Amino acid sequence: MILSFFDQFTSPCLMGIPLILLSMLFPALLLPSPNNRWITNRLSTLQLWLLNLITKQLMTPLNSKGHKWAVILTSLMTLLLTINLLGLLPYTFTPTTQLSMNMALAFPLWFATLLTGLRNQPSISLGHLLPEGTPTLLIPALILIETTSLLIRPLALGVRLTANLTAGHLLIQLISTATTVLLPLMPTISILTATILFLLTILEVAVAMIQAYVFVLLLSLYLQENI
């Protein structure tokens, strides 16, 4: 059977049952749970330090009202970070390469920030659609443009995460295939290609972490506008 490069993005199935939910929940099993040795356990201490660092970075631009979202944003950051990094391992599936999943994460959270602003400060939230001092003739067009830019925010969040991870996985597969094919024909070129593959893998690890951070950071900035 001939496989295409895009088959790696197909959700695995077992007896007709999609395993994407299992691949989403499995990373949570790798996180240690609290016990009597919570402080003395080195792994738990490192995990707690990372969670505190992530929470501090996300909550810095927000005021005290936005701190209620700390658990949601930190949990989302942890979920995306573990899924993105584990998806770089061989013979694994990355759920965040699916646009449907990313949109399912982006749209409800963006909509929640929008509803928060409309409930707490409706005048200010609607005022973002029309900057002060706009000429009268430009008011209808500017309201339409600002509304469109507001509505495409969740789409931009989902597409950005999907596109960056998909492109990285495709590049890794293309270069690894070239390395395998060139090994018996041109060993020197194959070694050079393998070096490029190694550097690209390091880059993709950085991209996986950065994209998870950017996704949650943009949500926190949207929240900042509405509180």
Protein backbone atom coordinates (compact mmCIF):
# COMPACT_ATOMS: atom_id res chain seq x y z
CA MET A 1 0.00 0.00 0.00
CA ILE A 2 1.37 3.41 -0.98
CA LEU A 3 1.08 6.03 1.76
CA SER A 4 1.05 9.77 1.14
CA PHE A 5 2.77 12.38 3.27
CA PHE A 6 -0.59 13.53 4.63
CA ASP A 7 -1.55 10.12 6.04
CA GLN A 8 0.25 11.03 9.27
CA PHE A 9 -2.48 13.61 9.94
CA THR A 10 -5.28 11.05 9.73
CA SER A 11 -6.83 10.26 13.10
CA PRO A 12 -5.98 6.65 14.06
CA CYS A 13 -8.90 4.28 14.56
CA LEU A 14 -9.33 1.00 16.42
CA MET A 15 -12.28 -1.12 15.28
CA GLY A 16 -13.79 1.95 13.71
CA ILE A 17 -13.47 4.06 16.88
CA PRO A 18 -11.35 7.27 16.52
CA LEU A 19 -8.52 7.38 19.01
CA ILE A 20 -8.07 11.16 18.93
CA LEU A 21 -9.72 11.50 22.35
CA LEU A 22 -7.28 8.98 23.80
CA SER A 23 -4.32 10.82 22.28
CA MET A 24 -5.60 14.01 23.91
CA LEU A 25 -6.06 12.49 27.36
CA PHE A 26 -2.88 10.37 27.42
CA PRO A 27 -0.46 13.30 28.04
CA ALA A 28 -2.32 14.05 31.30
CA LEU A 29 -1.30 10.61 32.59
CA LEU A 30 2.36 11.64 32.36
CA LEU A 31 1.91 14.45 34.88
CA PRO A 32 2.60 13.31 38.45
CA SER A 33 -0.27 13.60 40.89
CA PRO A 34 0.12 15.14 44.38
CA ASN A 35 1.11 12.79 47.18
CA ASN A 36 2.88 12.88 50.52
CA ARG A 37 6.19 13.55 48.79
CA TRP A 38 4.89 16.43 46.69
CA ILE A 39 7.61 18.85 47.85
CA THR A 40 10.54 16.42 48.02
CA ASN A 41 9.87 14.81 44.64
CA ARG A 42 12.19 16.42 42.08
CA LEU A 43 9.86 15.80 39.14
CA SER A 44 6.91 17.27 41.01
CA THR A 45 8.98 20.24 42.10
CA LEU A 46 10.03 20.89 38.49
CA GLN A 47 6.43 20.59 37.34
CA LEU A 48 5.27 23.04 40.02
CA TRP A 49 8.01 25.50 39.05
CA LEU A 50 7.00 25.34 35.37
CA LEU A 51 3.33 25.83 36.21
CA ASN A 52 4.16 28.84 38.37
CA LEU A 53 6.33 30.30 35.59
CA ILE A 54 3.61 29.80 32.95
CA THR A 55 0.92 31.26 35.21
CA LYS A 56 3.07 34.29 35.99
CA GLN A 57 3.76 34.97 32.31
CA LEU A 58 0.09 34.67 31.36
CA MET A 59 -1.32 36.68 34.26
CA THR A 60 1.17 39.57 34.11
CA PRO A 61 -0.77 41.66 31.53
CA LEU A 62 -4.13 41.02 33.26
CA ASN A 63 -5.67 42.83 36.20
CA SER A 64 -7.13 41.13 39.26
CA LYS A 65 -10.43 40.33 37.49
CA GLY A 66 -8.57 38.35 34.83
CA HIS A 67 -6.83 36.21 37.43
CA LYS A 68 -10.01 34.14 37.68
CA TRP A 69 -8.98 32.65 34.32
CA ALA A 70 -5.62 31.46 35.65
CA VAL A 71 -6.65 27.79 35.98
CA ILE A 72 -8.25 27.66 32.52
CA LEU A 73 -5.37 29.35 30.69
CA THR A 74 -2.65 27.44 32.54
CA SER A 75 -4.40 24.11 31.96
CA LEU A 76 -4.81 24.92 28.26
CA MET A 77 -1.14 25.87 28.00
CA THR A 78 -0.09 22.60 29.66
CA LEU A 79 -2.39 20.56 27.40
CA LEU A 80 -1.14 22.17 24.17
CA LEU A 81 2.49 22.00 25.27
CA THR A 82 2.42 18.29 26.09
CA ILE A 83 0.42 17.35 22.98
CA ASN A 84 2.71 19.35 20.66
CA LEU A 85 5.91 17.92 22.14
CA LEU A 86 4.69 14.32 22.30
CA GLY A 87 3.52 14.63 18.68
CA LEU A 88 7.15 14.97 17.59
CA LEU A 89 7.96 11.44 18.75
CA PRO A 90 8.01 8.70 16.08
CA TYR A 91 4.81 6.75 15.43
CA THR A 92 2.65 9.22 17.33
CA PHE A 93 -0.38 11.29 16.37
CA THR A 94 -0.65 15.04 17.00
CA PRO A 95 -4.26 16.12 17.63
CA THR A 96 -3.33 19.81 17.27
CA THR A 97 -2.69 19.29 13.55
CA GLN A 98 -6.47 18.94 13.19
CA LEU A 99 -8.18 22.26 12.48
CA SER A 100 -11.43 20.97 13.98
CA MET A 101 -9.81 20.42 17.38
CA ASN A 102 -8.04 23.78 17.39
CA MET A 103 -11.25 25.57 16.46
CA ALA A 104 -13.06 23.66 19.21
CA LEU A 105 -10.54 25.11 21.67
CA ALA A 106 -10.31 28.61 20.19
CA PHE A 107 -13.94 29.50 19.48
CA PRO A 108 -15.55 28.81 22.92
CA LEU A 109 -12.75 30.57 24.81
CA TRP A 110 -12.77 33.59 22.47
CA PHE A 111 -16.56 33.75 22.71
CA ALA A 112 -16.33 33.60 26.51
CA THR A 113 -13.96 36.60 26.55
CA LEU A 114 -16.34 38.47 24.24
CA LEU A 115 -19.35 37.74 26.44
CA THR A 116 -17.35 38.81 29.50
CA GLY A 117 -16.72 42.20 27.93
CA LEU A 118 -20.32 42.65 26.78
CA ARG A 119 -21.59 41.83 30.26
CA ASN A 120 -19.15 43.86 32.34
CA GLN A 121 -18.47 46.86 30.08
CA PRO A 122 -20.75 46.84 27.02
CA SER A 123 -20.05 50.45 26.00
CA ILE A 124 -16.27 50.00 25.99
CA SER A 125 -16.46 46.64 24.21
CA LEU A 126 -18.68 48.03 21.45
CA GLY A 127 -16.52 51.14 21.33
CA HIS A 128 -13.64 49.06 19.98
CA LEU A 129 -15.61 48.73 16.74
CA LEU A 130 -15.43 52.49 16.10
CA PRO A 131 -12.25 54.39 17.04
CA GLU A 132 -12.70 57.92 18.32
CA GLY A 133 -12.40 60.69 15.73
CA THR A 134 -13.45 58.59 12.74
CA PRO A 135 -14.83 60.69 9.83
CA THR A 136 -18.58 60.33 9.35
CA LEU A 137 -18.27 58.92 5.83
CA LEU A 138 -15.98 56.12 7.01
CA ILE A 139 -18.11 55.01 9.96
CA PRO A 140 -20.13 52.25 8.15
CA ALA A 141 -17.07 50.80 6.39
CA LEU A 142 -14.91 50.94 9.52
CA ILE A 143 -17.56 49.23 11.67
CA LEU A 144 -17.78 46.45 9.08
CA ILE A 145 -14.00 46.05 8.95
CA GLU A 146 -13.59 46.00 12.74
CA THR A 147 -16.45 43.52 13.13
CA THR A 148 -14.88 41.24 10.54
CA SER A 149 -11.49 41.43 12.24
CA LEU A 150 -13.16 40.61 15.55
CA LEU A 151 -15.01 37.59 14.18
CA ILE A 152 -11.98 36.07 12.46
CA ARG A 153 -9.92 35.99 15.66
CA PRO A 154 -10.84 32.40 16.60
CA LEU A 155 -10.25 31.30 13.01
CA ALA A 156 -6.82 32.93 13.05
CA LEU A 157 -5.99 31.18 16.34
CA GLY A 158 -6.95 27.75 15.01
CA VAL A 159 -5.38 28.14 11.57
CA ARG A 160 -2.10 29.51 12.97
CA LEU A 161 -1.59 26.55 15.28
CA THR A 162 -2.66 24.01 12.65
CA ALA A 163 -0.56 25.47 9.84
CA ASN A 164 2.67 25.78 11.84
CA LEU A 165 2.53 22.25 13.25
CA THR A 166 1.44 20.70 9.94
CA ALA A 167 4.22 22.43 8.02
CA GLY A 168 6.83 21.29 10.54
CA HIS A 169 5.68 17.66 10.47
CA LEU A 170 5.68 17.65 6.67
CA LEU A 171 9.21 19.08 6.51
CA ILE A 172 10.49 16.48 8.97
CA GLN A 173 8.89 13.66 6.98
CA LEU A 174 10.19 14.96 3.64
CA ILE A 175 13.78 15.37 4.87
CA SER A 176 13.77 12.03 6.72
CA THR A 177 12.51 10.30 3.57
CA ALA A 178 15.25 11.98 1.53
CA THR A 179 17.85 10.86 4.09
CA THR A 180 16.72 7.23 3.86
CA VAL A 181 16.58 7.21 0.06
CA LEU A 182 19.96 8.90 -0.42
CA LEU A 183 21.84 6.71 2.09
CA PRO A 184 22.68 3.81 -0.31
CA LEU A 185 23.15 6.14 -3.30
CA MET A 186 25.03 9.16 -1.94
CA PRO A 187 26.14 8.61 1.66
CA THR A 188 27.79 12.03 1.96
CA ILE A 189 24.67 13.88 0.90
CA SER A 190 22.64 11.62 3.17
CA ILE A 191 24.76 12.57 6.19
CA LEU A 192 24.35 16.24 5.32
CA THR A 193 20.59 15.75 5.04
CA ALA A 194 20.53 13.95 8.39
CA THR A 195 22.31 16.93 9.97
CA ILE A 196 19.67 19.24 8.54
CA LEU A 197 17.00 16.89 9.89
CA PHE A 198 18.52 17.04 13.37
CA LEU A 199 18.60 20.85 13.33
CA LEU A 200 15.05 20.96 11.99
CA THR A 201 13.87 18.69 14.79
CA ILE A 202 15.35 21.05 17.38
CA LEU A 203 13.61 23.93 15.60
CA GLU A 204 10.29 22.08 15.65
CA VAL A 205 10.61 21.49 19.39
CA ALA A 206 10.94 25.26 19.79
CA VAL A 207 8.03 25.87 17.42
CA ALA A 208 5.83 23.43 19.35
CA MET A 209 6.46 25.33 22.59
CA ILE A 210 6.16 28.78 21.02
CA GLN A 211 2.87 28.00 19.26
CA ALA A 212 1.32 26.70 22.47
CA TYR A 213 2.43 29.87 24.25
CA VAL A 214 1.21 32.18 21.46
CA PHE A 215 -2.20 30.48 21.35
CA VAL A 216 -2.82 31.02 25.07
CA LEU A 217 -1.15 34.45 25.15
CA LEU A 218 -3.46 35.79 22.44
CA LEU A 219 -6.46 34.49 24.37
CA SER A 220 -5.22 36.32 27.46
CA LEU A 221 -4.81 39.52 25.41
CA TYR A 222 -8.35 39.18 24.10
CA LEU A 223 -9.45 38.76 27.69
CA GLN A 224 -7.52 41.87 28.68
CA GLU A 225 -9.51 43.94 26.19
CA ASN A 226 -12.79 42.88 27.78
CA ILE A 227 -12.15 43.25 31.52
